[in-house]
Protein backbone atom coordinates (compact mmCIF):
# COMPACT_ATOMS: atom_id res chain seq x y z
CA MET A 1 31.70 -36.25 -38.46
CA ALA A 2 28.86 -34.45 -40.21
CA HIS A 3 26.60 -31.88 -38.59
CA THR A 4 24.32 -33.60 -36.07
CA LEU A 5 21.00 -32.53 -34.58
CA VAL A 6 19.63 -33.31 -31.11
CA GLY A 7 15.90 -33.66 -30.56
CA ILE A 8 13.10 -35.64 -28.96
CA VAL A 9 11.33 -38.60 -30.60
CA SER A 10 7.71 -37.62 -31.24
CA SER A 11 6.69 -40.82 -33.05
CA ASP A 12 8.08 -44.36 -33.27
CA LYS A 13 5.06 -46.13 -34.77
CA ARG A 14 6.64 -46.93 -38.15
CA ASP A 15 9.07 -49.80 -38.64
CA LYS A 16 12.72 -48.64 -38.66
CA THR A 17 11.60 -44.99 -38.79
CA ILE A 18 11.30 -42.34 -36.08
CA THR A 19 10.05 -38.76 -36.18
CA VAL A 20 12.26 -36.34 -34.28
CA SER A 21 11.08 -32.88 -33.15
CA ILE A 22 13.75 -30.20 -32.81
CA GLU A 23 12.92 -26.87 -31.16
CA ASN A 24 14.80 -23.61 -31.81
CA ARG A 25 14.43 -20.30 -29.99
CA GLU A 26 14.57 -17.48 -32.53
CA THR A 27 14.31 -13.72 -32.25
CA HIS A 28 12.22 -11.71 -34.69
CA PRO A 29 14.52 -9.30 -36.57
CA LEU A 30 12.21 -6.28 -36.31
CA TYR A 31 10.20 -6.78 -33.11
CA ARG A 32 12.92 -8.53 -31.04
CA LYS A 33 10.32 -10.97 -29.70
CA GLN A 34 11.54 -14.51 -29.05
CA TYR A 35 9.50 -17.44 -30.31
CA THR A 36 9.88 -21.20 -30.56
CA LYS A 37 10.14 -22.86 -33.94
CA THR A 38 9.63 -26.63 -34.11
CA ARG A 39 10.87 -28.69 -37.04
CA LYS A 40 10.19 -32.39 -37.56
CA TYR A 41 12.60 -34.76 -39.25
CA THR A 42 12.10 -38.42 -40.13
CA ALA A 43 15.14 -40.56 -39.37
CA HIS A 44 16.16 -44.15 -40.04
CA ASP A 45 16.34 -46.34 -36.92
CA GLU A 46 17.71 -49.71 -38.09
CA LYS A 47 17.33 -51.58 -34.79
CA ASN A 48 14.12 -49.86 -33.55
CA GLU A 49 16.00 -48.80 -30.41
CA ALA A 50 14.54 -45.27 -29.97
CA HIS A 51 11.11 -44.87 -28.41
CA LEU A 52 8.63 -42.07 -27.81
CA GLY A 53 10.09 -39.29 -25.64
CA ASP A 54 13.74 -40.34 -25.95
CA LYS A 55 16.39 -37.67 -26.54
CA VAL A 56 18.33 -38.69 -29.66
CA GLU A 57 21.10 -37.49 -31.95
CA ILE A 58 20.53 -37.71 -35.72
CA ALA A 59 22.87 -37.06 -38.65
CA PRO A 60 22.23 -36.45 -42.36
CA CYS A 61 22.77 -39.32 -44.80
CA ARG A 62 21.85 -40.22 -48.36
CA PRO A 63 18.09 -40.13 -49.09
CA LEU A 64 16.54 -43.42 -47.95
CA SER A 65 13.00 -42.53 -49.05
CA LYS A 66 10.97 -39.53 -50.14
CA THR A 67 11.10 -37.87 -46.71
CA LYS A 68 13.83 -39.77 -44.86
CA SER A 69 17.37 -38.41 -45.21
CA PHE A 70 18.63 -38.64 -41.61
CA LYS A 71 19.83 -41.60 -39.57
CA LEU A 72 19.90 -42.24 -35.84
CA VAL A 73 23.39 -41.82 -34.39
CA LYS A 74 22.64 -42.66 -30.76
CA VAL A 75 20.07 -42.42 -28.01
CA LEU A 76 21.30 -39.79 -25.56
CA GLU A 77 18.66 -40.14 -22.85
CA ARG A 78 15.74 -42.51 -22.34
CA SER A 79 12.32 -41.12 -21.48
CA HIS A 80 11.05 -41.64 -17.97
CA GLY A 81 7.57 -42.71 -19.09
CA SER A 82 4.46 -40.76 -19.90
CA VAL A 83 1.19 -39.94 -18.20
CA GLU A 84 -0.72 -42.57 -20.21
CA LEU A 85 1.77 -45.27 -19.21
CA LYS A 86 1.51 -44.34 -15.52
CA GLU A 87 -2.31 -44.48 -15.71
CA GLU A 88 -2.16 -47.97 -17.25
CA ILE A 89 0.18 -49.18 -14.50
CA THR A 90 -2.09 -47.85 -11.73
CA ASP A 91 -5.10 -49.50 -13.40
CA VAL A 92 -3.27 -52.83 -13.52
CA LEU A 93 -2.22 -52.53 -9.88
CA GLY A 94 -5.80 -51.64 -8.91
CA GLU A 95 -5.08 -48.34 -7.18
CA ASN A 96 -7.48 -46.16 -9.19
CA LYS A 97 -10.12 -48.79 -9.72
CA PRO A 98 -13.44 -47.39 -11.02
CA ALA A 99 -16.60 -48.35 -9.12
CA GLU A 100 -18.53 -51.36 -10.47
CA ASP A 101 -22.14 -50.93 -11.60
CA GLY A 102 -24.29 -50.48 -8.53
CA GLU A 103 -21.32 -50.26 -6.15
CA GLY A 104 -20.75 -46.99 -4.36
CA GLU A 105 -23.95 -45.33 -5.60
CA LYS A 106 -26.66 -45.41 -2.94
């Protein structure tokens, strides 16, 4: 199989397209300082199965559009949710309910 890349989905808002962020640790040739380099790739997701925060494997393919020349091979690991999602769930359950107008202020 062709060379594959493993990264994290940073956007899944477009139909059948995901944006995958891949981080590399590199060392500067002169100063020997390590730094992180992040590259973003757009990949084709035919079934819309990858979501924000998922760890995925992508592989190169023929160009499908101006910027899209990778395809989703498989989802390696699902995300465990995000902070925004947890806040929405607690609001729905009523645990962190804000005070109504006039309530609590005396």
